[in-house]
């Protein structure tokens, strides 16, 4: 599965983690909740 460039950019932010839930790729960040993204 290709990962979108916007997810890769958000992955570099401090405190973020990439999670797979129900076939979707999510970027979640508890320190900065506005840096959330979803693919799929």
C-alpha atoms as a PDB file:
ATOM      1  CA  UNK A   1       0.000   0.000   0.000  1.00  0.00           C
ATOM      2  CA  UNK A   2       1.315   3.428  -0.933  1.00  0.00           C
ATOM      3  CA  UNK A   3       1.441   5.889   1.929  1.00  0.00           C
ATOM      4  CA  UNK A   4       0.425   9.403   1.011  1.00  0.00           C
ATOM      5  CA  UNK A   5       3.057  12.142   1.227  1.00  0.00           C
ATOM      6  CA  UNK A   6       0.945  14.118   3.678  1.00  0.00           C
ATOM      7  CA  UNK A   7       1.062  11.189   6.112  1.00  0.00           C
ATOM      8  CA  UNK A   8       4.818  10.952   5.791  1.00  0.00           C
ATOM      9  CA  UNK A   9       5.115  14.647   6.606  1.00  0.00           C
ATOM     10  CA  UNK A  10       2.915  14.298   9.680  1.00  0.00           C
ATOM     11  CA  UNK A  11       4.874  11.245  10.785  1.00  0.00           C
ATOM     12  CA  UNK A  12       7.948  13.451  11.296  1.00  0.00           C
ATOM     13  CA  UNK A  13       6.154  15.684  13.819  1.00  0.00           C
ATOM     14  CA  UNK A  14       7.057  15.193  17.484  1.00  0.00           C
ATOM     15  CA  UNK A  15       4.766  12.836  19.376  1.00  0.00           C
ATOM     16  CA  UNK A  16       3.067  11.310  16.345  1.00  0.00           C
ATOM     17  CA  UNK A  17       2.588   7.642  15.601  1.00  0.00           C
ATOM     18  CA  UNK A  18       1.249   5.703  12.635  1.00  0.00           C
ATOM     19  CA  UNK A  19      -1.503   3.202  13.442  1.00  0.00           C
ATOM     20  CA  UNK A  20      -3.492   0.764  11.299  1.00  0.00           C
ATOM     21  CA  UNK A  21      -7.114   0.373  12.359  1.00  0.00           C
ATOM     22  CA  UNK A  22      -9.788  -1.480  10.388  1.00  0.00           C
ATOM     23  CA  UNK A  23      -7.707  -1.358   7.205  1.00  0.00           C
ATOM     24  CA  UNK A  24      -7.105   2.391   7.452  1.00  0.00           C
ATOM     25  CA  UNK A  25      -3.765   4.069   8.053  1.00  0.00           C
ATOM     26  CA  UNK A  26      -4.035   6.779  10.703  1.00  0.00           C
ATOM     27  CA  UNK A  27      -1.561   9.284  12.036  1.00  0.00           C
ATOM     28  CA  UNK A  28      -2.428  10.261  15.600  1.00  0.00           C
ATOM     29  CA  UNK A  29      -0.707  12.746  17.830  1.00  0.00           C
ATOM     30  CA  UNK A  30      -1.709  13.179  21.452  1.00  0.00           C
ATOM     31  CA  UNK A  31       0.566  16.174  22.021  1.00  0.00           C
ATOM     32  CA  UNK A  32      -0.844  18.101  19.039  1.00  0.00           C
ATOM     33  CA  UNK A  33      -4.333  16.757  18.232  1.00  0.00           C
ATOM     34  CA  UNK A  34      -4.701  18.921  15.124  1.00  0.00           C
ATOM     35  CA  UNK A  35      -2.033  16.811  13.371  1.00  0.00           C
ATOM     36  CA  UNK A  36      -4.366  13.916  12.598  1.00  0.00           C
ATOM     37  CA  UNK A  37      -4.651  12.250   9.212  1.00  0.00           C
ATOM     38  CA  UNK A  38      -6.341   9.264   7.645  1.00  0.00           C
ATOM     39  CA  UNK A  39      -5.778   7.233   4.505  1.00  0.00           C
ATOM     40  CA  UNK A  40      -8.043   4.491   3.175  1.00  0.00           C
END
